[in-house]
C-alpha cells in the first residue's frame, strides 16, 4: 500500500522552525541546569551548547521565527 503526502513550502518551514525551537529549548535547559548546579557539563560541552544557542537563534530568525518565544 503506497501512501504519500504533499507538504507545501510553508508547512515544511513550520516543521523546521518547530524542531529548531525545540533544540534551542533543550540547549538552554542544559546550560541552565549547569549554571544552577543541577547537572555537570564538561567545559567543551558548555562551549558547544553556548555556540549552538547562538547559531540556533540566527537560523530561527532566518526562518521568520522569534528565538525568545
PDB file of N, CA and C in Angstrom:
ATOM      1  N   UNK A   1       0.850  -1.173   0.000  1.00  0.00           N
ATOM      2  CA  UNK A   1       0.000   0.000   0.000  1.00  0.00           C
ATOM      3  C   UNK A   1       0.897   1.238   0.000  1.00  0.00           C
ATOM      4  N   UNK A   2       0.807   2.033  -1.021  1.00  0.00           N
ATOM      5  CA  UNK A   2       1.587   3.263  -1.117  1.00  0.00           C
ATOM      6  C   UNK A   2       0.786   4.433  -0.565  1.00  0.00           C
ATOM      7  N   UNK A   3       1.438   5.158   0.312  1.00  0.00           N
ATOM      8  CA  UNK A   3       0.819   6.340   0.898  1.00  0.00           C
ATOM      9  C   UNK A   3       1.767   7.506   0.691  1.00  0.00           C
ATOM     10  N   UNK A   4       1.223   8.611   0.281  1.00  0.00           N
ATOM     11  CA  UNK A   4       2.072   9.790   0.122  1.00  0.00           C
ATOM     12  C   UNK A   4       1.328  11.024   0.616  1.00  0.00           C
ATOM     13  N   UNK A   5       2.091  11.962   1.052  1.00  0.00           N
ATOM     14  CA  UNK A   5       1.523  13.242   1.452  1.00  0.00           C
ATOM     15  C   UNK A   5       2.307  14.338   0.746  1.00  0.00           C
ATOM     16  N   UNK A   6       1.650  15.430   0.562  1.00  0.00           N
ATOM     17  CA  UNK A   6       2.296  16.568  -0.068  1.00  0.00           C
ATOM     18  C   UNK A   6       2.296  17.727   0.918  1.00  0.00           C
ATOM     19  N   UNK A   7       3.460  18.271   1.140  1.00  0.00           N
ATOM     20  CA  UNK A   7       3.597  19.415   2.034  1.00  0.00           C
ATOM     21  C   UNK A   7       4.049  20.612   1.222  1.00  0.00           C
ATOM     22  N   UNK A   8       3.408  21.724   1.444  1.00  0.00           N
ATOM     23  CA  UNK A   8       3.867  22.922   0.745  1.00  0.00           C
ATOM     24  C   UNK A   8       5.033  23.549   1.512  1.00  0.00           C
ATOM     25  N   UNK A   9       5.636  24.524   0.899  1.00  0.00           N
ATOM     26  CA  UNK A   9       6.829  25.156   1.459  1.00  0.00           C
ATOM     27  C   UNK A   9       6.571  25.729   2.850  1.00  0.00           C
ATOM     28  N   UNK A  10       5.419  26.348   3.047  1.00  0.00           N
ATOM     29  CA  UNK A  10       5.114  26.946   4.354  1.00  0.00           C
ATOM     30  C   UNK A  10       4.981  25.885   5.443  1.00  0.00           C
ATOM     31  N   UNK A  11       4.377  24.770   5.111  1.00  0.00           N
ATOM     32  CA  UNK A  11       4.218  23.697   6.098  1.00  0.00           C
ATOM     33  C   UNK A  11       5.573  23.128   6.511  1.00  0.00           C
ATOM     34  N   UNK A  12       6.431  22.921   5.531  1.00  0.00           N
ATOM     35  CA  UNK A  12       7.772  22.398   5.822  1.00  0.00           C
ATOM     36  C   UNK A  12       8.542  23.399   6.676  1.00  0.00           C
ATOM     37  N   UNK A  13       8.409  24.679   6.352  1.00  0.00           N
ATOM     38  CA  UNK A  13       9.068  25.723   7.133  1.00  0.00           C
ATOM     39  C   UNK A  13       8.617  25.713   8.592  1.00  0.00           C
ATOM     40  N   UNK A  14       7.330  25.510   8.815  1.00  0.00           N
ATOM     41  CA  UNK A  14       6.818  25.449  10.186  1.00  0.00           C
ATOM     42  C   UNK A  14       7.353  24.235  10.949  1.00  0.00           C
ATOM     43  N   UNK A  15       7.468  23.108  10.266  1.00  0.00           N
ATOM     44  CA  UNK A  15       8.019  21.902  10.900  1.00  0.00           C
ATOM     45  C   UNK A  15       9.479  22.136  11.280  1.00  0.00           C
ATOM     46  N   UNK A  16      10.240  22.709  10.366  1.00  0.00           N
ATOM     47  CA  UNK A  16      11.654  23.001  10.632  1.00  0.00           C
ATOM     48  C   UNK A  16      11.775  23.990  11.771  1.00  0.00           C
ATOM     49  N   UNK A  17      10.980  25.039  11.741  1.00  0.00           N
ATOM     50  CA  UNK A  17      11.027  26.065  12.783  1.00  0.00           C
ATOM     51  C   UNK A  17      10.692  25.473  14.154  1.00  0.00           C
ATOM     52  N   UNK A  18       9.702  24.614  14.191  1.00  0.00           N
ATOM     53  CA  UNK A  18       9.321  23.963  15.448  1.00  0.00           C
ATOM     54  C   UNK A  18      10.462  23.101  15.992  1.00  0.00           C
ATOM     55  N   UNK A  19      11.120  22.348  15.115  1.00  0.00           N
ATOM     56  CA  UNK A  19      12.238  21.499  15.542  1.00  0.00           C
ATOM     57  C   UNK A  19      13.410  22.338  16.033  1.00  0.00           C
ATOM     58  N   UNK A  20      13.695  23.436  15.346  1.00  0.00           N
ATOM     59  CA  UNK A  20      14.792  24.314  15.765  1.00  0.00           C
ATOM     60  C   UNK A  20      14.507  24.922  17.130  1.00  0.00           C
ATOM     61  N   UNK A  21      13.273  25.341  17.358  1.00  0.00           N
ATOM     62  CA  UNK A  21      12.910  25.925  18.654  1.00  0.00           C
ATOM     63  C   UNK A  21      13.028  24.898  19.774  1.00  0.00           C
ATOM     64  N   UNK A  22      12.668  23.655  19.473  1.00  0.00           N
ATOM     65  CA  UNK A  22      12.785  22.598  20.482  1.00  0.00           C
ATOM     66  C   UNK A  22      14.248  22.343  20.826  1.00  0.00           C
ATOM     67  N   UNK A  23      15.115  22.340  19.831  1.00  0.00           N
ATOM     68  CA  UNK A  23      16.546  22.165  20.089  1.00  0.00           C
ATOM     69  C   UNK A  23      17.102  23.341  20.892  1.00  0.00           C
ATOM     70  N   UNK A  24      16.659  24.542  20.583  1.00  0.00           N
ATOM     71  CA  UNK A  24      17.086  25.725  21.338  1.00  0.00           C
ATOM     72  C   UNK A  24      16.656  25.605  22.794  1.00  0.00           C
ATOM     73  N   UNK A  25      15.429  25.170  23.003  1.00  0.00           N
ATOM     74  CA  UNK A  25      14.911  24.990  24.368  1.00  0.00           C
ATOM     75  C   UNK A  25      15.757  23.973  25.143  1.00  0.00           C
ATOM     76  N   UNK A  26      16.083  22.854  24.502  1.00  0.00           N
ATOM     77  CA  UNK A  26      16.881  21.822  25.171  1.00  0.00           C
ATOM     78  C   UNK A  26      18.292  22.323  25.488  1.00  0.00           C
ATOM     79  N   UNK A  27      18.903  23.070  24.579  1.00  0.00           N
ATOM     80  CA  UNK A  27      20.244  23.605  24.812  1.00  0.00           C
ATOM     81  C   UNK A  27      20.230  24.601  25.958  1.00  0.00           C
ATOM     82  N   UNK A  28      19.216  25.448  25.991  1.00  0.00           N
ATOM     83  CA  UNK A  28      19.103  26.425  27.083  1.00  0.00           C
ATOM     84  C   UNK A  28      18.899  25.724  28.419  1.00  0.00           C
ATOM     85  N   UNK A  29      18.043  24.705  28.439  1.00  0.00           N
ATOM     86  CA  UNK A  29      17.796  23.969  29.680  1.00  0.00           C
ATOM     87  C   UNK A  29      19.072  23.292  30.169  1.00  0.00           C
ATOM     88  N   UNK A  30      19.836  22.753  29.255  1.00  0.00           N
ATOM     89  CA  UNK A  30      21.088  22.100  29.616  1.00  0.00           C
ATOM     90  C   UNK A  30      22.048  23.087  30.272  1.00  0.00           C
ATOM     91  N   UNK A  31      22.196  24.261  29.671  1.00  0.00           N
ATOM     92  CA  UNK A  31      23.079  25.273  30.258  1.00  0.00           C
ATOM     93  C   UNK A  31      22.525  25.826  31.565  1.00  0.00           C
ATOM     94  N   UNK A  32      21.210  26.012  31.632  1.00  0.00           N
ATOM     95  CA  UNK A  32      20.597  26.486  32.878  1.00  0.00           C
ATOM     96  C   UNK A  32      20.862  25.498  34.015  1.00  0.00           C
ATOM     97  N   UNK A  33      20.682  24.207  33.730  1.00  0.00           N
ATOM     98  CA  UNK A  33      20.949  23.188  34.752  1.00  0.00           C
ATOM     99  C   UNK A  33      22.409  23.229  35.190  1.00  0.00           C
ATOM    100  N   UNK A  34      23.302  23.434  34.249  1.00  0.00           N
ATOM    101  CA  UNK A  34      24.721  23.516  34.574  1.00  0.00           C
ATOM    102  C   UNK A  34      25.003  24.729  35.465  1.00  0.00           C
ATOM    103  N   UNK A  35      24.468  25.884  35.094  1.00  0.00           N
ATOM    104  CA  UNK A  35      24.727  27.111  35.863  1.00  0.00           C
ATOM    105  C   UNK A  35      24.053  27.080  37.241  1.00  0.00           C
ATOM    106  N   UNK A  36      22.948  26.358  37.350  1.00  0.00           N
ATOM    107  CA  UNK A  36      22.261  26.232  38.645  1.00  0.00           C
ATOM    108  C   UNK A  36      22.760  25.029  39.441  1.00  0.00           C
ATOM    109  N   UNK A  37      23.836  24.420  38.968  1.00  0.00           N
ATOM    110  CA  UNK A  37      24.481  23.277  39.616  1.00  0.00           C
ATOM    111  C   UNK A  37      23.549  22.082  39.798  1.00  0.00           C
ATOM    112  N   UNK A  38      22.623  21.925  38.845  1.00  0.00           N
ATOM    113  CA  UNK A  38      21.735  20.767  38.852  1.00  0.00           C
ATOM    114  C   UNK A  38      22.413  19.604  38.131  1.00  0.00           C
ATOM    115  N   UNK A  39      23.200  19.932  37.120  1.00  0.00           N
ATOM    116  CA  UNK A  39      23.921  18.893  36.381  1.00  0.00           C
ATOM    117  C   UNK A  39      25.327  19.396  36.049  1.00  0.00           C
ATOM    118  N   UNK A  40      26.168  18.466  35.652  1.00  0.00           N
ATOM    119  CA  UNK A  40      27.549  18.797  35.324  1.00  0.00           C
ATOM    120  C   UNK A  40      27.741  18.678  33.827  1.00  0.00           C
ATOM    121  N   UNK A  41      28.492  19.595  33.249  1.00  0.00           N
ATOM    122  CA  UNK A  41      28.873  19.523  31.844  1.00  0.00           C
ATOM    123  C   UNK A  41      30.378  19.722  31.738  1.00  0.00           C
ATOM    124  N   UNK A  42      30.968  19.026  30.804  1.00  0.00           N
ATOM    125  CA  UNK A  42      32.385  19.239  30.518  1.00  0.00           C
ATOM    126  C   UNK A  42      32.549  20.626  29.905  1.00  0.00           C
ATOM    127  N   UNK A  43      33.687  21.216  30.100  1.00  0.00           N
ATOM    128  CA  UNK A  43      33.960  22.559  29.576  1.00  0.00           C
ATOM    129  C   UNK A  43      33.687  22.647  28.071  1.00  0.00           C
ATOM    130  N   UNK A  44      34.069  21.617  27.327  1.00  0.00           N
ATOM    131  CA  UNK A  44      33.807  21.601  25.883  1.00  0.00           C
ATOM    132  C   UNK A  44      32.306  21.594  25.579  1.00  0.00           C
ATOM    133  N   UNK A  45      31.536  20.873  26.412  1.00  0.00           N
ATOM    134  CA  UNK A  45      30.091  20.825  26.216  1.00  0.00           C
ATOM    135  C   UNK A  45      29.442  22.180  26.507  1.00  0.00           C
ATOM    136  N   UNK A  46      29.939  22.869  27.510  1.00  0.00           N
ATOM    137  CA  UNK A  46      29.423  24.205  27.821  1.00  0.00           C
ATOM    138  C   UNK A  46      29.669  25.130  26.635  1.00  0.00           C
ATOM    139  N   UNK A  47      30.867  25.077  26.084  1.00  0.00           N
ATOM    140  CA  UNK A  47      31.189  25.905  24.923  1.00  0.00           C
ATOM    141  C   UNK A  47      30.314  25.517  23.728  1.00  0.00           C
ATOM    142  N   UNK A  48      30.150  24.228  23.510  1.00  0.00           N
ATOM    143  CA  UNK A  48      29.330  23.751  22.388  1.00  0.00           C
ATOM    144  C   UNK A  48      27.886  24.228  22.537  1.00  0.00           C
ATOM    145  N   UNK A  49      27.317  24.071  23.728  1.00  0.00           N
ATOM    146  CA  UNK A  49      25.929  24.480  23.955  1.00  0.00           C
ATOM    147  C   UNK A  49      25.764  25.988  23.765  1.00  0.00           C
ATOM    148  N   UNK A  50      26.741  26.762  24.231  1.00  0.00           N
ATOM    149  CA  UNK A  50      26.687  28.212  24.065  1.00  0.00           C
ATOM    150  C   UNK A  50      26.703  28.602  22.594  1.00  0.00           C
ATOM    151  N   UNK A  51      27.589  27.985  21.828  1.00  0.00           N
ATOM    152  CA  UNK A  51      27.646  28.258  20.387  1.00  0.00           C
ATOM    153  C   UNK A  51      26.382  27.776  19.678  1.00  0.00           C
ATOM    154  N   UNK A  52      25.891  26.634  20.088  1.00  0.00           N
ATOM    155  CA  UNK A  52      24.671  26.098  19.499  1.00  0.00           C
ATOM    156  C   UNK A  52      23.504  27.059  19.695  1.00  0.00           C
ATOM    157  N   UNK A  53      23.359  27.582  20.896  1.00  0.00           N
ATOM    158  CA  UNK A  53      22.295  28.546  21.185  1.00  0.00           C
ATOM    159  C   UNK A  53      22.435  29.769  20.288  1.00  0.00           C
ATOM    160  N   UNK A  54      23.637  30.297  20.183  1.00  0.00           N
ATOM    161  CA  UNK A  54      23.888  31.468  19.347  1.00  0.00           C
ATOM    162  C   UNK A  54      23.478  31.204  17.898  1.00  0.00           C
ATOM    163  N   UNK A  55      23.896  30.067  17.358  1.00  0.00           N
ATOM    164  CA  UNK A  55      23.617  29.761  15.961  1.00  0.00           C
ATOM    165  C   UNK A  55      22.156  29.393  15.721  1.00  0.00           C
ATOM    166  N   UNK A  56      21.541  28.704  16.671  1.00  0.00           N
ATOM    167  CA  UNK A  56      20.128  28.381  16.520  1.00  0.00           C
ATOM    168  C   UNK A  56      19.268  29.640  16.491  1.00  0.00           C
ATOM    169  N   UNK A  57      19.613  30.620  17.309  1.00  0.00           N
ATOM    170  CA  UNK A  57      18.874  31.890  17.287  1.00  0.00           C
ATOM    171  C   UNK A  57      18.917  32.509  15.893  1.00  0.00           C
ATOM    172  N   UNK A  58      20.084  32.489  15.286  1.00  0.00           N
ATOM    173  CA  UNK A  58      20.255  33.067  13.946  1.00  0.00           C
ATOM    174  C   UNK A  58      19.404  32.318  12.919  1.00  0.00           C
ATOM    175  N   UNK A  59      19.433  30.991  12.962  1.00  0.00           N
ATOM    176  CA  UNK A  59      18.695  30.192  11.989  1.00  0.00           C
ATOM    177  C   UNK A  59      17.186  30.340  12.204  1.00  0.00           C
ATOM    178  N   UNK A  60      16.748  30.391  13.448  1.00  0.00           N
ATOM    179  CA  UNK A  60      15.328  30.587  13.743  1.00  0.00           C
ATOM    180  C   UNK A  60      14.850  31.922  13.182  1.00  0.00           C
ATOM    181  N   UNK A  61      15.634  32.960  13.359  1.00  0.00           N
ATOM    182  CA  UNK A  61      15.275  34.261  12.798  1.00  0.00           C
ATOM    183  C   UNK A  61      15.233  34.202  11.275  1.00  0.00           C
ATOM    184  N   UNK A  62      16.142  33.444  10.665  1.00  0.00           N
ATOM    185  CA  UNK A  62      16.162  33.287   9.211  1.00  0.00           C
ATOM    186  C   UNK A  62      14.845  32.686   8.721  1.00  0.00           C
ATOM    187  N   UNK A  63      14.307  31.719   9.468  1.00  0.00           N
ATOM    188  CA  UNK A  63      13.055  31.093   9.098  1.00  0.00           C
ATOM    189  C   UNK A  63      11.831  31.909   9.512  1.00  0.00           C
ATOM    190  N   UNK A  64      12.062  33.119  10.025  1.00  0.00           N
ATOM    191  CA  UNK A  64      10.957  34.012  10.357  1.00  0.00           C
ATOM    192  C   UNK A  64      10.401  33.845  11.750  1.00  0.00           C
ATOM    193  N   UNK A  65      11.086  33.101  12.593  1.00  0.00           N
ATOM    194  CA  UNK A  65      10.627  32.903  13.953  1.00  0.00           C
ATOM    195  C   UNK A  65      11.289  33.853  14.917  1.00  0.00           C
ATOM    196  N   UNK A  66      10.823  33.822  16.142  1.00  0.00           N
ATOM    197  CA  UNK A  66      11.426  34.610  17.212  1.00  0.00           C
ATOM    198  C   UNK A  66      12.034  33.631  18.204  1.00  0.00           C
ATOM    199  N   UNK A  67      13.352  33.709  18.401  1.00  0.00           N
ATOM    200  CA  UNK A  67      14.023  32.715  19.246  1.00  0.00           C
ATOM    201  C   UNK A  67      13.641  32.789  20.721  1.00  0.00           C
ATOM    202  N   UNK A  68      13.022  33.865  21.150  1.00  0.00           N
ATOM    203  CA  UNK A  68      12.692  34.000  22.566  1.00  0.00           C
ATOM    204  C   UNK A  68      11.248  33.650  22.870  1.00  0.00           C
ATOM    205  N   UNK A  69      10.577  32.963  21.941  1.00  0.00           N
ATOM    206  CA  UNK A  69       9.203  32.560  22.179  1.00  0.00           C
ATOM    207  C   UNK A  69       9.134  31.345  23.060  1.00  0.00           C
TER     208      UNK A  69
END
